[in-house]
Amino acid sequence: MNRRHYAITLQEASEDSPVLTRLIALTRESSKWLNAITPLIPAGLHASIQAGPIEGQTWCLLVKNNAVAAKLRQLLPALQAHLRSQGWDVVSIRLKIQS
């Protein structure tokens, strides 16, 4: 890895690092998954949910509080089924409450 003493773009950094390239790809995939399930989630909850990390076949959603998590737990089977119907291999969705 070459040391640079000047600023580079994220694109340039990712070209030098396979790990960073993979991280960027997973972040984009997670955002796509959130966009795919957004129509299934009540509009009032949209601002309280963020796409989280993908770890194998498990996806994490970041939620603002326990109330949002409780509502999403009720919707998880439908959300997983919707993602699978779109061709994504999601076995489980994990919820993480942000503190």
N, C-alpha and C. Protein backbone atom coordinates (compact mmCIF):
# COMPACT_ATOMS: atom_id res chain seq x y z
N MET A 1 0.84 -1.18 0.00
CA MET A 1 0.00 0.00 0.00
C MET A 1 0.89 1.25 0.00
N ASN A 2 0.60 2.15 -0.88
CA ASN A 2 1.38 3.38 -0.99
C ASN A 2 0.82 4.44 -0.06
N ARG A 3 1.69 5.12 0.64
CA ARG A 3 1.27 6.23 1.49
C ARG A 3 1.13 7.48 0.64
N ARG A 4 0.04 8.16 0.84
CA ARG A 4 -0.18 9.42 0.12
C ARG A 4 -0.28 10.53 1.14
N HIS A 5 0.22 11.66 0.81
CA HIS A 5 0.17 12.80 1.71
C HIS A 5 -0.79 13.86 1.17
N TYR A 6 -1.83 13.38 0.52
CA TYR A 6 -2.85 14.27 0.00
C TYR A 6 -4.18 13.54 0.05
N ALA A 7 -5.24 14.28 0.01
CA ALA A 7 -6.58 13.70 0.10
C ALA A 7 -6.92 12.92 -1.17
N ILE A 8 -7.61 11.81 -0.98
CA ILE A 8 -8.08 11.04 -2.13
C ILE A 8 -9.58 10.79 -1.94
N THR A 9 -10.24 10.46 -3.01
CA THR A 9 -11.68 10.20 -2.93
C THR A 9 -11.91 8.79 -2.41
N LEU A 10 -13.14 8.52 -1.98
CA LEU A 10 -13.50 7.20 -1.53
C LEU A 10 -13.34 6.19 -2.66
N GLN A 11 -13.67 6.59 -3.86
CA GLN A 11 -13.51 5.72 -5.03
C GLN A 11 -12.06 5.30 -5.20
N GLU A 12 -11.14 6.26 -5.09
CA GLU A 12 -9.72 5.95 -5.23
C GLU A 12 -9.24 5.03 -4.11
N ALA A 13 -9.72 5.27 -2.90
CA ALA A 13 -9.33 4.42 -1.77
C ALA A 13 -9.85 3.01 -1.95
N SER A 14 -11.07 2.89 -2.45
CA SER A 14 -11.64 1.55 -2.62
C SER A 14 -10.93 0.75 -3.70
N GLU A 15 -10.39 1.42 -4.68
CA GLU A 15 -9.64 0.73 -5.73
C GLU A 15 -8.36 0.10 -5.18
N ASP A 16 -7.82 0.67 -4.12
CA ASP A 16 -6.60 0.15 -3.51
C ASP A 16 -6.86 -0.90 -2.44
N SER A 17 -8.12 -1.06 -2.03
CA SER A 17 -8.41 -1.94 -0.90
C SER A 17 -9.60 -2.86 -1.21
N PRO A 18 -9.34 -4.16 -1.37
CA PRO A 18 -10.44 -5.10 -1.61
C PRO A 18 -11.42 -5.14 -0.44
N VAL A 19 -10.93 -4.96 0.78
CA VAL A 19 -11.81 -4.98 1.95
C VAL A 19 -12.77 -3.79 1.90
N LEU A 20 -12.27 -2.63 1.57
CA LEU A 20 -13.11 -1.45 1.47
C LEU A 20 -14.10 -1.59 0.32
N THR A 21 -13.67 -2.18 -0.77
CA THR A 21 -14.56 -2.42 -1.90
C THR A 21 -15.73 -3.30 -1.49
N ARG A 22 -15.44 -4.36 -0.74
CA ARG A 22 -16.49 -5.27 -0.26
C ARG A 22 -17.43 -4.56 0.71
N LEU A 23 -16.89 -3.74 1.60
CA LEU A 23 -17.70 -2.99 2.55
C LEU A 23 -18.65 -2.04 1.84
N ILE A 24 -18.17 -1.37 0.83
CA ILE A 24 -19.01 -0.45 0.05
C ILE A 24 -20.12 -1.22 -0.65
N ALA A 25 -19.79 -2.38 -1.20
CA ALA A 25 -20.80 -3.20 -1.88
C ALA A 25 -21.87 -3.67 -0.90
N LEU A 26 -21.48 -4.07 0.29
CA LEU A 26 -22.46 -4.50 1.30
C LEU A 26 -23.34 -3.34 1.76
N THR A 27 -22.76 -2.17 1.88
CA THR A 27 -23.54 -1.00 2.27
C THR A 27 -24.58 -0.66 1.21
N ARG A 28 -24.19 -0.73 -0.05
CA ARG A 28 -25.14 -0.48 -1.14
C ARG A 28 -26.25 -1.53 -1.15
N GLU A 29 -25.88 -2.80 -0.95
CA GLU A 29 -26.85 -3.88 -0.93
C GLU A 29 -27.85 -3.68 0.22
N SER A 30 -27.36 -3.31 1.37
CA SER A 30 -28.21 -3.08 2.53
C SER A 30 -29.20 -1.95 2.25
N SER A 31 -28.74 -0.90 1.61
CA SER A 31 -29.62 0.22 1.26
C SER A 31 -30.69 -0.21 0.26
N LYS A 32 -30.32 -1.07 -0.68
CA LYS A 32 -31.30 -1.60 -1.65
C LYS A 32 -32.37 -2.40 -0.93
N TRP A 33 -31.95 -3.22 0.02
CA TRP A 33 -32.91 -4.03 0.77
C TRP A 33 -33.88 -3.14 1.55
N LEU A 34 -33.36 -2.09 2.17
CA LEU A 34 -34.24 -1.18 2.91
C LEU A 34 -35.23 -0.50 1.97
N ASN A 35 -34.76 -0.07 0.81
CA ASN A 35 -35.66 0.55 -0.17
C ASN A 35 -36.74 -0.44 -0.63
N ALA A 36 -36.38 -1.71 -0.72
CA ALA A 36 -37.34 -2.73 -1.17
C ALA A 36 -38.45 -2.98 -0.15
N ILE A 37 -38.12 -2.89 1.15
CA ILE A 37 -39.14 -3.18 2.16
C ILE A 37 -39.88 -1.94 2.65
N THR A 38 -39.39 -0.76 2.31
CA THR A 38 -40.00 0.48 2.79
C THR A 38 -41.50 0.57 2.51
N PRO A 39 -42.00 0.14 1.35
CA PRO A 39 -43.46 0.21 1.14
C PRO A 39 -44.27 -0.67 2.09
N LEU A 40 -43.64 -1.66 2.70
CA LEU A 40 -44.33 -2.56 3.62
C LEU A 40 -44.37 -2.04 5.05
N ILE A 41 -43.61 -0.99 5.32
CA ILE A 41 -43.49 -0.44 6.66
C ILE A 41 -44.38 0.81 6.76
N PRO A 42 -45.12 0.96 7.88
CA PRO A 42 -45.94 2.17 8.03
C PRO A 42 -45.10 3.44 7.87
N ALA A 43 -45.66 4.40 7.17
CA ALA A 43 -44.93 5.63 6.84
C ALA A 43 -44.39 6.36 8.07
N GLY A 44 -45.09 6.30 9.17
CA GLY A 44 -44.64 6.97 10.38
C GLY A 44 -43.36 6.41 10.97
N LEU A 45 -42.98 5.20 10.56
CA LEU A 45 -41.77 4.57 11.08
C LEU A 45 -40.54 4.76 10.19
N HIS A 46 -40.74 5.24 8.99
CA HIS A 46 -39.62 5.32 8.02
C HIS A 46 -38.42 6.09 8.58
N ALA A 47 -38.66 7.19 9.26
CA ALA A 47 -37.56 8.01 9.75
C ALA A 47 -36.83 7.36 10.92
N SER A 48 -37.42 6.32 11.51
CA SER A 48 -36.85 5.66 12.68
C SER A 48 -36.08 4.39 12.35
N ILE A 49 -35.90 4.11 11.07
CA ILE A 49 -35.25 2.87 10.65
C ILE A 49 -34.10 3.19 9.70
N GLN A 50 -32.97 2.52 9.92
CA GLN A 50 -31.83 2.65 9.03
C GLN A 50 -31.33 1.27 8.63
N ALA A 51 -30.76 1.19 7.45
CA ALA A 51 -30.16 -0.05 7.00
C ALA A 51 -28.89 -0.30 7.80
N GLY A 52 -28.72 -1.54 8.22
CA GLY A 52 -27.55 -1.92 8.99
C GLY A 52 -26.70 -2.90 8.22
N PRO A 53 -25.78 -3.56 8.91
CA PRO A 53 -24.84 -4.47 8.24
C PRO A 53 -25.49 -5.77 7.77
N ILE A 54 -24.90 -6.36 6.76
CA ILE A 54 -25.28 -7.68 6.27
C ILE A 54 -24.15 -8.62 6.69
N GLU A 55 -24.54 -9.69 7.38
CA GLU A 55 -23.56 -10.69 7.82
C GLU A 55 -24.03 -12.05 7.34
N GLY A 56 -23.50 -12.48 6.21
CA GLY A 56 -23.95 -13.75 5.62
C GLY A 56 -25.37 -13.62 5.13
N GLN A 57 -26.27 -14.42 5.69
CA GLN A 57 -27.68 -14.39 5.30
C GLN A 57 -28.53 -13.65 6.33
N THR A 58 -27.88 -12.93 7.24
CA THR A 58 -28.58 -12.16 8.26
C THR A 58 -28.37 -10.67 7.99
N TRP A 59 -29.47 -9.94 8.06
CA TRP A 59 -29.43 -8.50 7.84
C TRP A 59 -29.85 -7.82 9.12
N CYS A 60 -29.24 -6.72 9.44
CA CYS A 60 -29.56 -5.96 10.64
C CYS A 60 -30.23 -4.65 10.25
N LEU A 61 -31.33 -4.36 10.93
CA LEU A 61 -31.97 -3.06 10.81
C LEU A 61 -31.72 -2.29 12.09
N LEU A 62 -31.33 -1.04 11.96
CA LEU A 62 -31.09 -0.18 13.11
C LEU A 62 -32.35 0.64 13.36
N VAL A 63 -32.88 0.55 14.59
CA VAL A 63 -34.12 1.25 14.92
C VAL A 63 -33.88 2.19 16.08
N LYS A 64 -34.72 3.23 16.17
CA LYS A 64 -34.49 4.29 17.15
C LYS A 64 -34.93 3.93 18.56
N ASN A 65 -35.97 3.09 18.70
CA ASN A 65 -36.46 2.81 20.05
C ASN A 65 -37.22 1.47 20.10
N ASN A 66 -37.61 1.10 21.32
CA ASN A 66 -38.30 -0.17 21.54
C ASN A 66 -39.65 -0.24 20.84
N ALA A 67 -40.36 0.87 20.75
CA ALA A 67 -41.67 0.86 20.11
C ALA A 67 -41.55 0.51 18.63
N VAL A 68 -40.59 1.09 17.96
CA VAL A 68 -40.36 0.78 16.55
C VAL A 68 -39.96 -0.68 16.39
N ALA A 69 -39.09 -1.16 17.28
CA ALA A 69 -38.65 -2.55 17.22
C ALA A 69 -39.83 -3.50 17.42
N ALA A 70 -40.73 -3.17 18.33
CA ALA A 70 -41.89 -4.02 18.58
C ALA A 70 -42.78 -4.13 17.35
N LYS A 71 -43.01 -3.02 16.69
CA LYS A 71 -43.84 -3.04 15.48
C LYS A 71 -43.14 -3.82 14.36
N LEU A 72 -41.85 -3.61 14.20
CA LEU A 72 -41.12 -4.32 13.15
C LEU A 72 -41.08 -5.82 13.39
N ARG A 73 -41.00 -6.23 14.67
CA ARG A 73 -41.01 -7.67 14.96
C ARG A 73 -42.27 -8.33 14.40
N GLN A 74 -43.38 -7.62 14.43
CA GLN A 74 -44.63 -8.15 13.88
C GLN A 74 -44.55 -8.28 12.36
N LEU A 75 -43.76 -7.42 11.73
CA LEU A 75 -43.68 -7.40 10.27
C LEU A 75 -42.55 -8.26 9.70
N LEU A 76 -41.66 -8.77 10.56
CA LEU A 76 -40.47 -9.47 10.08
C LEU A 76 -40.77 -10.61 9.10
N PRO A 77 -41.74 -11.49 9.37
CA PRO A 77 -41.99 -12.56 8.40
C PRO A 77 -42.35 -12.03 7.00
N ALA A 78 -43.16 -10.98 6.96
CA ALA A 78 -43.54 -10.41 5.67
C ALA A 78 -42.35 -9.73 4.99
N LEU A 79 -41.51 -9.06 5.77
CA LEU A 79 -40.34 -8.39 5.20
C LEU A 79 -39.36 -9.41 4.62
N GLN A 80 -39.12 -10.49 5.36
CA GLN A 80 -38.22 -11.54 4.88
C GLN A 80 -38.77 -12.19 3.61
N ALA A 81 -40.06 -12.49 3.61
CA ALA A 81 -40.67 -13.11 2.44
C ALA A 81 -40.57 -12.19 1.22
N HIS A 82 -40.78 -10.89 1.44
CA HIS A 82 -40.70 -9.93 0.34
C HIS A 82 -39.28 -9.89 -0.25
N LEU A 83 -38.28 -9.85 0.62
CA LEU A 83 -36.90 -9.82 0.14
C LEU A 83 -36.56 -11.09 -0.63
N ARG A 84 -37.00 -12.24 -0.13
CA ARG A 84 -36.74 -13.50 -0.84
C ARG A 84 -37.46 -13.52 -2.19
N SER A 85 -38.67 -12.94 -2.24
CA SER A 85 -39.40 -12.92 -3.52
C SER A 85 -38.71 -12.03 -4.54
N GLN A 86 -37.88 -11.10 -4.08
CA GLN A 86 -37.11 -10.23 -4.96
C GLN A 86 -35.79 -10.87 -5.39
N GLY A 87 -35.51 -12.07 -4.87
CA GLY A 87 -34.31 -12.79 -5.26
C GLY A 87 -33.14 -12.65 -4.31
N TRP A 88 -33.32 -12.00 -3.16
CA TRP A 88 -32.25 -11.84 -2.19
C TRP A 88 -32.32 -12.96 -1.17
N ASP A 89 -31.18 -13.49 -0.81
CA ASP A 89 -31.08 -14.63 0.09
C ASP A 89 -30.97 -14.14 1.54
N VAL A 90 -32.11 -13.77 2.13
CA VAL A 90 -32.16 -13.28 3.50
C VAL A 90 -32.85 -14.34 4.35
N VAL A 91 -32.11 -14.94 5.27
CA VAL A 91 -32.69 -15.96 6.13
C VAL A 91 -33.31 -15.32 7.38
N SER A 92 -32.65 -14.27 7.90
CA SER A 92 -33.20 -13.62 9.09
C SER A 92 -32.88 -12.13 9.07
N ILE A 93 -33.72 -11.40 9.77
CA ILE A 93 -33.51 -9.96 9.97
C ILE A 93 -33.39 -9.74 11.46
N ARG A 94 -32.31 -9.08 11.84
CA ARG A 94 -32.04 -8.78 13.24
C ARG A 94 -32.33 -7.30 13.46
N LEU A 95 -32.87 -6.96 14.62
CA LEU A 95 -33.14 -5.57 14.96
C LEU A 95 -32.18 -5.12 16.05
N LYS A 96 -31.61 -3.95 15.87
CA LYS A 96 -30.71 -3.39 16.88
C LYS A 96 -31.21 -2.00 17.22
N ILE A 97 -31.46 -1.79 18.50
CA ILE A 97 -31.95 -0.49 18.97
C ILE A 97 -30.75 0.41 19.19
N GLN A 98 -30.77 1.56 18.56
CA GLN A 98 -29.69 2.53 18.72
C GLN A 98 -29.88 3.27 20.03
N SER A 99 -28.81 3.44 20.75
CA SER A 99 -28.94 4.15 22.03
C SER A 99 -28.58 5.61 21.89
